[in-house]
Every structure is written in structure tokens, then in C-alpha cells.
Amino acid sequence: MHMNINPFESAMAQLSKAVSFIGKSDPKVQEKLEILKQPQRIINVTIPVKMDDGKIRIFQGYRVQFNNARGPYKGGIRYYHTVSIEEVKALSFWMTMKCAVADLPFGGSKGSVIVDPKTLSAKELERLSRGYARAIADVIGPDKDVPAPDVNTNGQVMGWMVDEYINVKCQMTNAKCTKKEKNKFLSA
């Protein structure tokens, strides 16, 4: 009988094992362990996309911001048909650990949309990518959370997301964004 393994439970088991090597009895270690047992923020979004046939299809998306104690969150966005929130939580935890071990000034996050991108046309993929960026625009940015490509996303997908993020930020500031101002958003 095959048992499904919960990726987040597996990640937390790894954390407990690591803590056993550094001294669970230290109160400061225990405090940090408690903080690292849960993500700081879980964003769950629905993304309506107009398909090429004119129908609307709703996609489920996530962004998990695990911990930003070392700096802005950072982590990839994956498009995958079987991804779960438990998997995204685990991936964001592992990204937090990866940045810490590498002594990078970033925390960890991860994002995902439940989709098989191979079933979408290029225009549908663009509308999905822009919709996801719009849905998470208020919680990402150079000083908050820096998304990156991951499984089934690439430079083109990230380009659409950056462009949409800039458009949303310009609308939020009620400003007309020139090319120079748009570049400011990218380098901020």
C-alpha cells in the first residue's frame, strides 16, 4: 500500500532532527524552532483567465512567505498540475534554509499555480501569468518578496509578470509611468 507523504510534515521532521544536533534545551533555540514551524504568510489566490475559446477558467495559485528574518523573501514560482499548498509550504521552508545556509540576505518564499502549462496556448499562458502577478502584486517587490522562475516557468513568463507588476504599481500610485519610472520599480 502506497502512502502519500506530506512534504511539509517531512520538512518539519527535518527541522526537528537538525535542532536535536544543536541543543533543544536552550530556550533561545526553542523560541526559534517555534517560529520556524509555520510560514509567516500564506497567500491563496484565484486567477480567472479568459481562454482562447472565450470561456473563463479559474486557476488556483499560492505564494507562501515563510520567513523574512534575514531579508526580503525570495523564491521561485512553479506551474504544475499536481502542486499542493503543503508542497509550496515545504518548498518555501527549504528556500528559507537554503538562503540562511548560503548566508544570503534573503528569507524564503515559493509560489505556484495549479496548471499544466503544456495544455495552454501562448496567449492563455500570458493571461494566466499576468493574472497571477496582479493577484500577488501587493505582497511582492524588490523590498518585500523577489519571485524567480522555477518548474515550468522561464524568462518569458517572468517578463510578463514583471510587466504586469509594474502596471499594477503604476495604477496603485495613480501615476502615469514613463519608461524611466518603470525602470525605477525594477531596480528599487
C-alpha atoms as a PDB file:
ATOM      1  CA  MET A   1       0.000   0.000   0.000  1.00  0.00           C
ATOM      2  CA  HIS A   2       1.437   3.363  -1.080  1.00  0.00           C
ATOM      3  CA  MET A   3       1.177   6.141   1.484  1.00  0.00           C
ATOM      4  CA  ASN A   4       1.173   9.792   0.491  1.00  0.00           C
ATOM      5  CA  ILE A   5       3.923  11.712   2.225  1.00  0.00           C
ATOM      6  CA  ASN A   6       3.053  15.240   3.296  1.00  0.00           C
ATOM      7  CA  PRO A   7       6.014  17.372   2.139  1.00  0.00           C
ATOM      8  CA  PHE A   8       5.530  19.969   4.874  1.00  0.00           C
ATOM      9  CA  GLU A   9       5.453  17.328   7.613  1.00  0.00           C
ATOM     10  CA  SER A  10       8.652  15.909   6.112  1.00  0.00           C
ATOM     11  CA  ALA A  11      10.278  19.363   6.188  1.00  0.00           C
ATOM     12  CA  MET A  12       9.279  19.836   9.830  1.00  0.00           C
ATOM     13  CA  ALA A  13      10.729  16.407  10.691  1.00  0.00           C
ATOM     14  CA  GLN A  14      13.997  17.552   9.095  1.00  0.00           C
ATOM     15  CA  LEU A  15      13.892  20.735  11.200  1.00  0.00           C
ATOM     16  CA  SER A  16      13.370  18.737  14.410  1.00  0.00           C
ATOM     17  CA  LYS A  17      16.240  16.429  13.525  1.00  0.00           C
ATOM     18  CA  ALA A  18      18.549  19.392  12.858  1.00  0.00           C
ATOM     19  CA  VAL A  19      17.599  21.015  16.162  1.00  0.00           C
ATOM     20  CA  SER A  20      18.464  17.799  18.016  1.00  0.00           C
ATOM     21  CA  PHE A  21      22.091  18.355  16.986  1.00  0.00           C
ATOM     22  CA  ILE A  22      22.308  21.908  18.329  1.00  0.00           C
ATOM     23  CA  GLY A  23      20.618  21.637  21.696  1.00  0.00           C
ATOM     24  CA  LYS A  24      16.859  21.609  22.081  1.00  0.00           C
ATOM     25  CA  SER A  25      17.151  22.552  25.769  1.00  0.00           C
ATOM     26  CA  ASP A  26      18.418  26.076  25.025  1.00  0.00           C
ATOM     27  CA  PRO A  27      15.382  28.424  25.411  1.00  0.00           C
ATOM     28  CA  LYS A  28      16.554  30.661  22.531  1.00  0.00           C
ATOM     29  CA  VAL A  29      16.808  27.636  20.222  1.00  0.00           C
ATOM     30  CA  GLN A  30      13.337  26.547  21.315  1.00  0.00           C
ATOM     31  CA  GLU A  31      11.913  30.008  20.532  1.00  0.00           C
ATOM     32  CA  LYS A  32      13.456  29.998  17.055  1.00  0.00           C
ATOM     33  CA  LEU A  33      12.209  26.463  16.474  1.00  0.00           C
ATOM     34  CA  GLU A  34       8.650  27.534  17.290  1.00  0.00           C
ATOM     35  CA  ILE A  35       8.922  30.471  14.871  1.00  0.00           C
ATOM     36  CA  LEU A  36      10.237  28.195  12.102  1.00  0.00           C
ATOM     37  CA  LYS A  37       7.377  25.718  12.417  1.00  0.00           C
ATOM     38  CA  GLN A  38       4.941  27.863  10.413  1.00  0.00           C
ATOM     39  CA  PRO A  39       5.116  30.271   7.482  1.00  0.00           C
ATOM     40  CA  GLN A  40       4.659  33.952   8.228  1.00  0.00           C
ATOM     41  CA  ARG A  41       2.140  34.362   5.410  1.00  0.00           C
ATOM     42  CA  ILE A  42       0.160  32.132   3.055  1.00  0.00           C
ATOM     43  CA  ILE A  43      -1.460  33.802   0.073  1.00  0.00           C
ATOM     44  CA  ASN A  44      -4.147  31.824  -1.736  1.00  0.00           C
ATOM     45  CA  VAL A  45      -5.500  33.410  -4.918  1.00  0.00           C
ATOM     46  CA  THR A  46      -7.930  32.563  -7.667  1.00  0.00           C
ATOM     47  CA  ILE A  47      -6.983  33.640 -11.150  1.00  0.00           C
ATOM     48  CA  PRO A  48      -9.757  33.992 -13.730  1.00  0.00           C
ATOM     49  CA  VAL A  49      -8.371  33.557 -17.245  1.00  0.00           C
ATOM     50  CA  LYS A  50     -10.223  34.118 -20.499  1.00  0.00           C
ATOM     51  CA  MET A  51      -9.360  31.130 -22.633  1.00  0.00           C
ATOM     52  CA  ASP A  52      -8.956  31.267 -26.393  1.00  0.00           C
ATOM     53  CA  ASP A  53     -12.464  29.836 -26.842  1.00  0.00           C
ATOM     54  CA  GLY A  54     -13.898  32.821 -24.910  1.00  0.00           C
ATOM     55  CA  LYS A  55     -14.749  30.865 -21.757  1.00  0.00           C
ATOM     56  CA  ILE A  56     -13.431  31.816 -18.327  1.00  0.00           C
ATOM     57  CA  ARG A  57     -11.401  29.233 -16.442  1.00  0.00           C
ATOM     58  CA  ILE A  58     -10.416  29.711 -12.793  1.00  0.00           C
ATOM     59  CA  PHE A  59      -6.922  28.682 -11.671  1.00  0.00           C
ATOM     60  CA  GLN A  60      -5.710  28.300  -8.089  1.00  0.00           C
ATOM     61  CA  GLY A  61      -2.461  29.998  -7.074  1.00  0.00           C
ATOM     62  CA  TYR A  62      -0.331  30.261  -3.954  1.00  0.00           C
ATOM     63  CA  ARG A  63       2.519  32.335  -2.578  1.00  0.00           C
ATOM     64  CA  VAL A  64       3.974  31.199   0.735  1.00  0.00           C
ATOM     65  CA  GLN A  65       6.268  33.649   2.501  1.00  0.00           C
ATOM     66  CA  PHE A  66       7.962  31.514   5.090  1.00  0.00           C
ATOM     67  CA  ASN A  67      10.399  33.730   6.933  1.00  0.00           C
ATOM     68  CA  ASN A  68      11.998  37.117   6.277  1.00  0.00           C
ATOM     69  CA  ALA A  69      14.277  37.422   9.332  1.00  0.00           C
ATOM     70  CA  ARG A  70      17.355  37.633   7.069  1.00  0.00           C
ATOM     71  CA  GLY A  71      15.870  39.996   4.472  1.00  0.00           C
ATOM     72  CA  PRO A  72      13.155  40.130   1.789  1.00  0.00           C
ATOM     73  CA  TYR A  73      11.553  36.843   0.856  1.00  0.00           C
ATOM     74  CA  LYS A  74      12.934  35.165  -2.258  1.00  0.00           C
ATOM     75  CA  GLY A  75      11.769  32.130  -4.168  1.00  0.00           C
ATOM     76  CA  GLY A  76      10.596  30.670  -7.415  1.00  0.00           C
ATOM     77  CA  ILE A  77       7.165  30.330  -8.974  1.00  0.00           C
ATOM     78  CA  ARG A  78       6.220  26.983 -10.444  1.00  0.00           C
ATOM     79  CA  TYR A  79       3.390  25.964 -12.718  1.00  0.00           C
ATOM     80  CA  TYR A  80       2.470  22.355 -12.042  1.00  0.00           C
ATOM     81  CA  HIS A  81      -0.752  20.390 -12.309  1.00  0.00           C
ATOM     82  CA  THR A  82      -0.429  18.452  -9.027  1.00  0.00           C
ATOM     83  CA  VAL A  83       1.154  21.025  -6.715  1.00  0.00           C
ATOM     84  CA  SER A  84      -0.446  21.375  -3.271  1.00  0.00           C
ATOM     85  CA  ILE A  85      -0.302  24.026  -0.580  1.00  0.00           C
ATOM     86  CA  GLU A  86       1.625  21.569   1.631  1.00  0.00           C
ATOM     87  CA  GLU A  87       4.276  21.241  -1.085  1.00  0.00           C
ATOM     88  CA  VAL A  88       4.552  25.023  -1.504  1.00  0.00           C
ATOM     89  CA  LYS A  89       4.874  25.470   2.284  1.00  0.00           C
ATOM     90  CA  ALA A  90       7.691  22.887   2.338  1.00  0.00           C
ATOM     91  CA  LEU A  91       9.453  24.479  -0.632  1.00  0.00           C
ATOM     92  CA  SER A  92       9.288  27.919   0.989  1.00  0.00           C
ATOM     93  CA  PHE A  93      10.735  26.478   4.217  1.00  0.00           C
ATOM     94  CA  TRP A  94      13.578  24.844   2.283  1.00  0.00           C
ATOM     95  CA  MET A  95      14.220  28.123   0.447  1.00  0.00           C
ATOM     96  CA  THR A  96      14.478  29.876   3.826  1.00  0.00           C
ATOM     97  CA  MET A  97      17.045  27.302   4.944  1.00  0.00           C
ATOM     98  CA  LYS A  98      18.937  27.461   1.642  1.00  0.00           C
ATOM     99  CA  CYS A  99      19.332  31.244   1.863  1.00  0.00           C
ATOM    100  CA  ALA A 100      20.422  31.006   5.509  1.00  0.00           C
ATOM    101  CA  VAL A 101      22.987  28.254   4.878  1.00  0.00           C
ATOM    102  CA  ALA A 102      24.403  30.211   1.926  1.00  0.00           C
ATOM    103  CA  ASP A 103      24.477  33.329   4.152  1.00  0.00           C
ATOM    104  CA  LEU A 104      22.357  35.304   1.676  1.00  0.00           C
ATOM    105  CA  PRO A 105      20.456  38.380   2.869  1.00  0.00           C
ATOM    106  CA  PHE A 106      17.095  36.867   1.926  1.00  0.00           C
ATOM    107  CA  GLY A 107      14.291  34.961   3.534  1.00  0.00           C
ATOM    108  CA  GLY A 108      12.414  32.180   1.800  1.00  0.00           C
ATOM    109  CA  SER A 109       9.224  32.012  -0.214  1.00  0.00           C
ATOM    110  CA  LYS A 110       7.751  29.963  -3.021  1.00  0.00           C
ATOM    111  CA  GLY A 111       4.812  30.333  -5.365  1.00  0.00           C
ATOM    112  CA  SER A 112       2.762  28.089  -7.571  1.00  0.00           C
ATOM    113  CA  VAL A 113      -0.224  27.887  -9.850  1.00  0.00           C
ATOM    114  CA  ILE A 114      -2.060  24.595 -10.273  1.00  0.00           C
ATOM    115  CA  VAL A 115      -1.861  24.164 -14.037  1.00  0.00           C
ATOM    116  CA  ASP A 116      -0.294  22.042 -16.718  1.00  0.00           C
ATOM    117  CA  PRO A 117       1.141  24.860 -18.854  1.00  0.00           C
ATOM    118  CA  LYS A 118       1.600  22.497 -21.802  1.00  0.00           C
ATOM    119  CA  THR A 119      -2.195  22.490 -22.213  1.00  0.00           C
ATOM    120  CA  LEU A 120      -2.341  26.289 -22.663  1.00  0.00           C
ATOM    121  CA  SER A 121      -1.742  28.378 -25.747  1.00  0.00           C
ATOM    122  CA  ALA A 122       0.927  31.080 -25.554  1.00  0.00           C
ATOM    123  CA  LYS A 123      -1.768  33.768 -25.133  1.00  0.00           C
ATOM    124  CA  GLU A 124      -3.537  31.776 -22.383  1.00  0.00           C
ATOM    125  CA  LEU A 125      -0.198  31.311 -20.604  1.00  0.00           C
ATOM    126  CA  GLU A 126       0.444  35.046 -20.806  1.00  0.00           C
ATOM    127  CA  ARG A 127      -3.023  35.888 -19.435  1.00  0.00           C
ATOM    128  CA  LEU A 128      -2.510  33.373 -16.591  1.00  0.00           C
ATOM    129  CA  SER A 129       0.940  34.774 -15.751  1.00  0.00           C
ATOM    130  CA  ARG A 130      -0.296  38.352 -15.761  1.00  0.00           C
ATOM    131  CA  GLY A 131      -3.327  37.363 -13.663  1.00  0.00           C
ATOM    132  CA  TYR A 132      -1.140  35.679 -11.060  1.00  0.00           C
ATOM    133  CA  ALA A 133       1.164  38.716 -10.907  1.00  0.00           C
ATOM    134  CA  ARG A 134      -1.849  41.016 -10.421  1.00  0.00           C
ATOM    135  CA  ALA A 135      -3.190  38.774  -7.671  1.00  0.00           C
ATOM    136  CA  ILE A 136       0.037  38.863  -5.625  1.00  0.00           C
ATOM    137  CA  ALA A 137       1.324  42.340  -6.606  1.00  0.00           C
ATOM    138  CA  ASP A 138       0.678  43.911  -3.207  1.00  0.00           C
ATOM    139  CA  VAL A 139       2.871  41.335  -1.382  1.00  0.00           C
ATOM    140  CA  ILE A 140       5.844  41.157  -3.764  1.00  0.00           C
ATOM    141  CA  GLY A 141       8.501  43.626  -4.876  1.00  0.00           C
ATOM    142  CA  PRO A 142      12.220  44.279  -4.571  1.00  0.00           C
ATOM    143  CA  ASP A 143      11.987  45.133  -0.858  1.00  0.00           C
ATOM    144  CA  LYS A 144       9.299  42.564   0.050  1.00  0.00           C
ATOM    145  CA  ASP A 145       9.479  39.350  -1.943  1.00  0.00           C
ATOM    146  CA  VAL A 146      11.543  38.642  -5.059  1.00  0.00           C
ATOM    147  CA  PRO A 147       9.963  35.985  -7.316  1.00  0.00           C
ATOM    148  CA  ALA A 148      12.059  33.891  -9.698  1.00  0.00           C
ATOM    149  CA  PRO A 149      11.430  31.157 -12.270  1.00  0.00           C
ATOM    150  CA  ASP A 150      11.038  27.543 -11.167  1.00  0.00           C
ATOM    151  CA  VAL A 151       9.425  24.410 -12.633  1.00  0.00           C
ATOM    152  CA  ASN A 152       7.600  25.197 -15.913  1.00  0.00           C
ATOM    153  CA  THR A 153       8.282  28.940 -15.717  1.00  0.00           C
ATOM    154  CA  ASN A 154      11.018  30.796 -17.584  1.00  0.00           C
ATOM    155  CA  GLY A 155      12.265  34.221 -18.572  1.00  0.00           C
ATOM    156  CA  GLN A 156       9.251  34.851 -20.792  1.00  0.00           C
ATOM    157  CA  VAL A 157       6.765  34.031 -18.020  1.00  0.00           C
ATOM    158  CA  MET A 158       8.726  36.168 -15.549  1.00  0.00           C
ATOM    159  CA  GLY A 159       8.845  39.003 -18.101  1.00  0.00           C
ATOM    160  CA  TRP A 160       5.051  39.022 -18.331  1.00  0.00           C
ATOM    161  CA  MET A 161       4.836  39.024 -14.537  1.00  0.00           C
ATOM    162  CA  VAL A 162       7.304  41.895 -14.145  1.00  0.00           C
ATOM    163  CA  ASP A 163       5.471  43.919 -16.779  1.00  0.00           C
ATOM    164  CA  GLU A 164       2.135  43.306 -15.063  1.00  0.00           C
ATOM    165  CA  TYR A 165       3.593  44.086 -11.627  1.00  0.00           C
ATOM    166  CA  ILE A 166       4.874  47.419 -12.938  1.00  0.00           C
ATOM    167  CA  ASN A 167       1.484  48.213 -14.499  1.00  0.00           C
ATOM    168  CA  VAL A 168      -0.303  47.429 -11.214  1.00  0.00           C
ATOM    169  CA  LYS A 169       2.136  49.512  -9.149  1.00  0.00           C
ATOM    170  CA  CYS A 170       1.708  52.460 -11.514  1.00  0.00           C
ATOM    171  CA  GLN A 171      -2.073  52.174 -11.180  1.00  0.00           C
ATOM    172  CA  MET A 172      -1.813  51.927  -7.379  1.00  0.00           C
ATOM    173  CA  THR A 173       0.195  55.159  -7.218  1.00  0.00           C
ATOM    174  CA  ASN A 174      -2.273  56.790  -9.619  1.00  0.00           C
ATOM    175  CA  ALA A 175       0.704  57.773 -11.737  1.00  0.00           C
ATOM    176  CA  LYS A 176       1.436  57.729 -15.399  1.00  0.00           C
ATOM    177  CA  CYS A 177       4.553  55.602 -15.644  1.00  0.00           C
ATOM    178  CA  THR A 178       7.197  56.506 -18.155  1.00  0.00           C
ATOM    179  CA  LYS A 179       9.884  54.054 -19.189  1.00  0.00           C
ATOM    180  CA  LYS A 180      12.271  55.718 -16.712  1.00  0.00           C
ATOM    181  CA  GLU A 181       9.741  55.318 -13.879  1.00  0.00           C
ATOM    182  CA  LYS A 182       9.124  51.678 -14.815  1.00  0.00           C
ATOM    183  CA  ASN A 183      12.850  51.018 -14.604  1.00  0.00           C
ATOM    184  CA  LYS A 184      12.827  52.544 -11.125  1.00  0.00           C
ATOM    185  CA  PHE A 185      10.364  49.843  -9.996  1.00  0.00           C
ATOM    186  CA  LEU A 186      12.669  47.138 -11.313  1.00  0.00           C
ATOM    187  CA  SER A 187      15.805  48.485  -9.642  1.00  0.00           C
ATOM    188  CA  ALA A 188      14.274  49.639  -6.344  1.00  0.00           C
END
